[in-house]
C-alpha atoms as a PDB file:
ATOM      1  CA  MET A   1       8.240 -12.883   0.069  1.00  0.00           C
ATOM      2  CA  ALA A   2       8.432 -13.630   3.540  1.00  0.00           C
ATOM      3  CA  ASP A   3       6.227 -15.688   5.594  1.00  0.00           C
ATOM      4  CA  ASP A   4       6.065 -14.114   8.470  1.00  0.00           C
ATOM      5  CA  ALA A   5       5.161 -10.583   6.577  1.00  0.00           C
ATOM      6  CA  LYS A   6       3.057  -7.842   8.207  1.00  0.00           C
ATOM      7  CA  TYR A   7       1.404  -6.386   5.256  1.00  0.00           C
ATOM      8  CA  ILE A   8      -2.625  -7.090   4.930  1.00  0.00           C
ATOM      9  CA  THR A   9      -3.446  -8.534   1.958  1.00  0.00           C
ATOM     10  CA  LEU A  10      -5.961  -6.304   0.522  1.00  0.00           C
ATOM     11  CA  THR A  11      -9.452  -7.606  -1.384  1.00  0.00           C
ATOM     12  CA  ASP A  12     -12.285  -6.096  -2.833  1.00  0.00           C
ATOM     13  CA  ALA A  13     -14.209  -7.679   0.079  1.00  0.00           C
ATOM     14  CA  ASN A  14     -12.148  -6.046   2.896  1.00  0.00           C
ATOM     15  CA  PHE A  15     -10.377  -3.314   1.504  1.00  0.00           C
ATOM     16  CA  SER A  16     -13.313  -0.625   2.760  1.00  0.00           C
ATOM     17  CA  GLU A  17     -12.607  -1.754   6.368  1.00  0.00           C
ATOM     18  CA  GLU A  18      -8.983  -2.060   6.067  1.00  0.00           C
ATOM     19  CA  VAL A  19      -7.920   1.164   4.468  1.00  0.00           C
ATOM     20  CA  LEU A  20     -11.221   3.649   4.141  1.00  0.00           C
ATOM     21  CA  ASN A  21     -12.570   2.968   8.129  1.00  0.00           C
ATOM     22  CA  THR A  22      -9.361   2.891  10.015  1.00  0.00           C
ATOM     23  CA  ASP A  23      -7.471   5.971  11.844  1.00  0.00           C
ATOM     24  CA  GLN A  24      -4.009   5.094  10.954  1.00  0.00           C
ATOM     25  CA  PRO A  25      -2.587   5.989   7.785  1.00  0.00           C
ATOM     26  CA  VAL A  26      -2.467   3.217   5.130  1.00  0.00           C
ATOM     27  CA  LEU A  27       0.299   2.488   2.006  1.00  0.00           C
ATOM     28  CA  VAL A  28      -1.314   0.285  -0.774  1.00  0.00           C
ATOM     29  CA  ASP A  29       0.685  -1.225  -3.153  1.00  0.00           C
ATOM     30  CA  PHE A  30      -1.575  -2.330  -6.063  1.00  0.00           C
ATOM     31  CA  TRP A  31       0.588  -5.428  -7.996  1.00  0.00           C
ATOM     32  CA  ALA A  32       0.523  -8.564  -9.728  1.00  0.00           C
ATOM     33  CA  ALA A  33       2.477 -11.528  -9.813  1.00  0.00           C
ATOM     34  CA  TRP A  34       3.730 -11.239 -13.528  1.00  0.00           C
ATOM     35  CA  CYS A  35       4.642  -7.830 -12.871  1.00  0.00           C
ATOM     36  CA  GLY A  36       8.598  -7.387 -12.815  1.00  0.00           C
ATOM     37  CA  PRO A  37       8.736  -3.904 -10.957  1.00  0.00           C
ATOM     38  CA  CYS A  38       6.210  -5.068  -8.521  1.00  0.00           C
ATOM     39  CA  ARG A  39       8.685  -8.092  -7.616  1.00  0.00           C
ATOM     40  CA  VAL A  40      11.375  -5.060  -7.244  1.00  0.00           C
ATOM     41  CA  ILE A  41       9.585  -3.324  -4.834  1.00  0.00           C
ATOM     42  CA  ALA A  42       7.770  -6.134  -3.054  1.00  0.00           C
ATOM     43  CA  PRO A  43      10.544  -6.232  -0.140  1.00  0.00           C
ATOM     44  CA  VAL A  44      10.648  -2.734   0.074  1.00  0.00           C
ATOM     45  CA  VAL A  45       6.878  -2.775   1.160  1.00  0.00           C
ATOM     46  CA  ALA A  46       7.245  -5.713   3.301  1.00  0.00           C
ATOM     47  CA  GLU A  47      10.267  -3.921   5.100  1.00  0.00           C
ATOM     48  CA  LEU A  48       8.289  -0.875   5.637  1.00  0.00           C
ATOM     49  CA  ALA A  49       5.065  -2.763   6.881  1.00  0.00           C
ATOM     50  CA  ALA A  50       7.444  -4.261   9.762  1.00  0.00           C
ATOM     51  CA  ASP A  51       9.350  -0.259  10.388  1.00  0.00           C
ATOM     52  CA  PHE A  52       5.753   1.340  10.703  1.00  0.00           C
ATOM     53  CA  GLU A  53       3.903  -1.831  12.609  1.00  0.00           C
ATOM     54  CA  GLY A  54       1.483  -0.229  14.848  1.00  0.00           C
ATOM     55  CA  ARG A  55       1.919   3.409  13.302  1.00  0.00           C
ATOM     56  CA  ALA A  56       0.616   2.718   9.813  1.00  0.00           C
ATOM     57  CA  LYS A  57      -1.044  -0.215   7.810  1.00  0.00           C
ATOM     58  CA  ILE A  58       0.840  -1.687   4.788  1.00  0.00           C
ATOM     59  CA  GLY A  59      -1.663  -3.662   2.518  1.00  0.00           C
ATOM     60  CA  LYS A  60      -1.142  -5.241  -1.085  1.00  0.00           C
ATOM     61  CA  VAL A  61      -3.987  -5.652  -3.381  1.00  0.00           C
ATOM     62  CA  ASP A  62      -3.311  -8.417  -6.129  1.00  0.00           C
ATOM     63  CA  VAL A  63      -5.137  -6.095  -9.430  1.00  0.00           C
ATOM     64  CA  ASP A  64      -5.783  -9.501 -10.932  1.00  0.00           C
ATOM     65  CA  THR A  65      -7.871 -11.199  -8.255  1.00  0.00           C
ATOM     66  CA  ASN A  66      -9.086  -7.846  -7.045  1.00  0.00           C
ATOM     67  CA  PRO A  67     -10.160  -5.780 -10.251  1.00  0.00           C
ATOM     68  CA  GLN A  68     -13.029  -3.816  -8.761  1.00  0.00           C
ATOM     69  CA  THR A  69     -10.527  -1.879  -6.497  1.00  0.00           C
ATOM     70  CA  ALA A  70      -8.074  -1.474  -9.127  1.00  0.00           C
ATOM     71  CA  MET A  71     -10.712   0.286 -11.224  1.00  0.00           C
ATOM     72  CA  ASN A  72     -12.519   2.078  -8.127  1.00  0.00           C
ATOM     73  CA  TYR A  73      -8.764   3.933  -7.709  1.00  0.00           C
ATOM     74  CA  ASN A  74      -8.147   4.125 -11.731  1.00  0.00           C
ATOM     75  CA  VAL A  75      -4.976   2.210 -11.539  1.00  0.00           C
ATOM     76  CA  ARG A  76      -3.656   1.871 -14.981  1.00  0.00           C
ATOM     77  CA  SER A  77       0.130   0.891 -14.509  1.00  0.00           C
ATOM     78  CA  ILE A  78       1.617  -1.336 -11.824  1.00  0.00           C
ATOM     79  CA  PRO A  79       3.096  -0.718  -9.108  1.00  0.00           C
ATOM     80  CA  THR A  80       1.182   1.978  -8.183  1.00  0.00           C
ATOM     81  CA  LEU A  81       1.305   2.843  -4.303  1.00  0.00           C
ATOM     82  CA  LEU A  82      -1.803   5.188  -2.754  1.00  0.00           C
ATOM     83  CA  PHE A  83      -1.221   6.529   0.669  1.00  0.00           C
ATOM     84  CA  PHE A  84      -4.095   7.301   2.493  1.00  0.00           C
ATOM     85  CA  LYS A  85      -4.840   9.367   5.657  1.00  0.00           C
ATOM     86  CA  ASP A  86      -8.876   9.468   6.928  1.00  0.00           C
ATOM     87  CA  GLY A  87      -9.992   7.404   3.902  1.00  0.00           C
ATOM     88  CA  ARG A  88      -8.884   9.698   1.309  1.00  0.00           C
ATOM     89  CA  VAL A  89      -5.887   9.034  -1.241  1.00  0.00           C
ATOM     90  CA  VAL A  90      -3.347  11.992  -0.251  1.00  0.00           C
ATOM     91  CA  ASP A  91      -0.326  11.182  -2.469  1.00  0.00           C
ATOM     92  CA  GLN A  92       0.700   8.172  -4.771  1.00  0.00           C
ATOM     93  CA  LEU A  93       3.674   6.554  -6.542  1.00  0.00           C
ATOM     94  CA  ILE A  94       3.780   4.918  -9.624  1.00  0.00           C
ATOM     95  CA  GLY A  95       6.631   2.654 -10.370  1.00  0.00           C
ATOM     96  CA  THR A  96       9.412   1.691  -7.848  1.00  0.00           C
ATOM     97  CA  ALA A  97      11.044   3.854  -5.454  1.00  0.00           C
ATOM     98  CA  PRO A  98      13.576   3.609  -2.882  1.00  0.00           C
ATOM     99  CA  LYS A  99      12.725   2.776   0.625  1.00  0.00           C
ATOM    100  CA  ARG A 100      13.930   5.978   1.863  1.00  0.00           C
ATOM    101  CA  VAL A 101      11.147   7.856  -0.312  1.00  0.00           C
ATOM    102  CA  LEU A 102       8.271   5.766   0.509  1.00  0.00           C
ATOM    103  CA  ALA A 103       9.205   5.552   4.514  1.00  0.00           C
ATOM    104  CA  GLU A 104       9.600   9.556   4.326  1.00  0.00           C
ATOM    105  CA  ARG A 105       5.797   9.972   2.594  1.00  0.00           C
ATOM    106  CA  LEU A 106       4.529   7.384   5.437  1.00  0.00           C
ATOM    107  CA  GLU A 107       6.558   9.056   8.104  1.00  0.00           C
ATOM    108  CA  SER A 108       5.376  12.161   7.487  1.00  0.00           C
ATOM    109  CA  LEU A 109       1.409  10.846   7.329  1.00  0.00           C
ATOM    110  CA  ALA A 110       2.126   8.695  10.393  1.00  0.00           C
ATOM    111  CA  THR A 111       2.950  12.033  12.495  1.00  0.00           C
ATOM    112  CA  GLN A 112       0.261  14.400  11.048  1.00  0.00           C
ATOM    113  CA  SER A 113      -2.247  14.975  13.675  1.00  0.00           C
ATOM    114  CA  VAL A 114      -5.754  14.447  12.651  1.00  0.00           C
END
């Protein structure tokens, strides 16, 4: 992954502040280092973070080091991508998807009025 990545590293400790208590939509990628599909989608997530900078937050949760957050959202398969708006999960995707699909979902949330 790029050293200049614009996504947020989410943890059990900062999840509420970064995801639930923000006025921006948030895409959260639940992943693990040993997960092949997670490595496939990682560059797409990083690109989305750059594309949506200032309009939406993109974060990544390593499920091995942050099990509580993964448990709280019933993450059983990875990668799991959860889309948050106003502190609530409004969409999800399990597995990989083309950048276009993720961008369309995020764009929809970013342009919705509160």
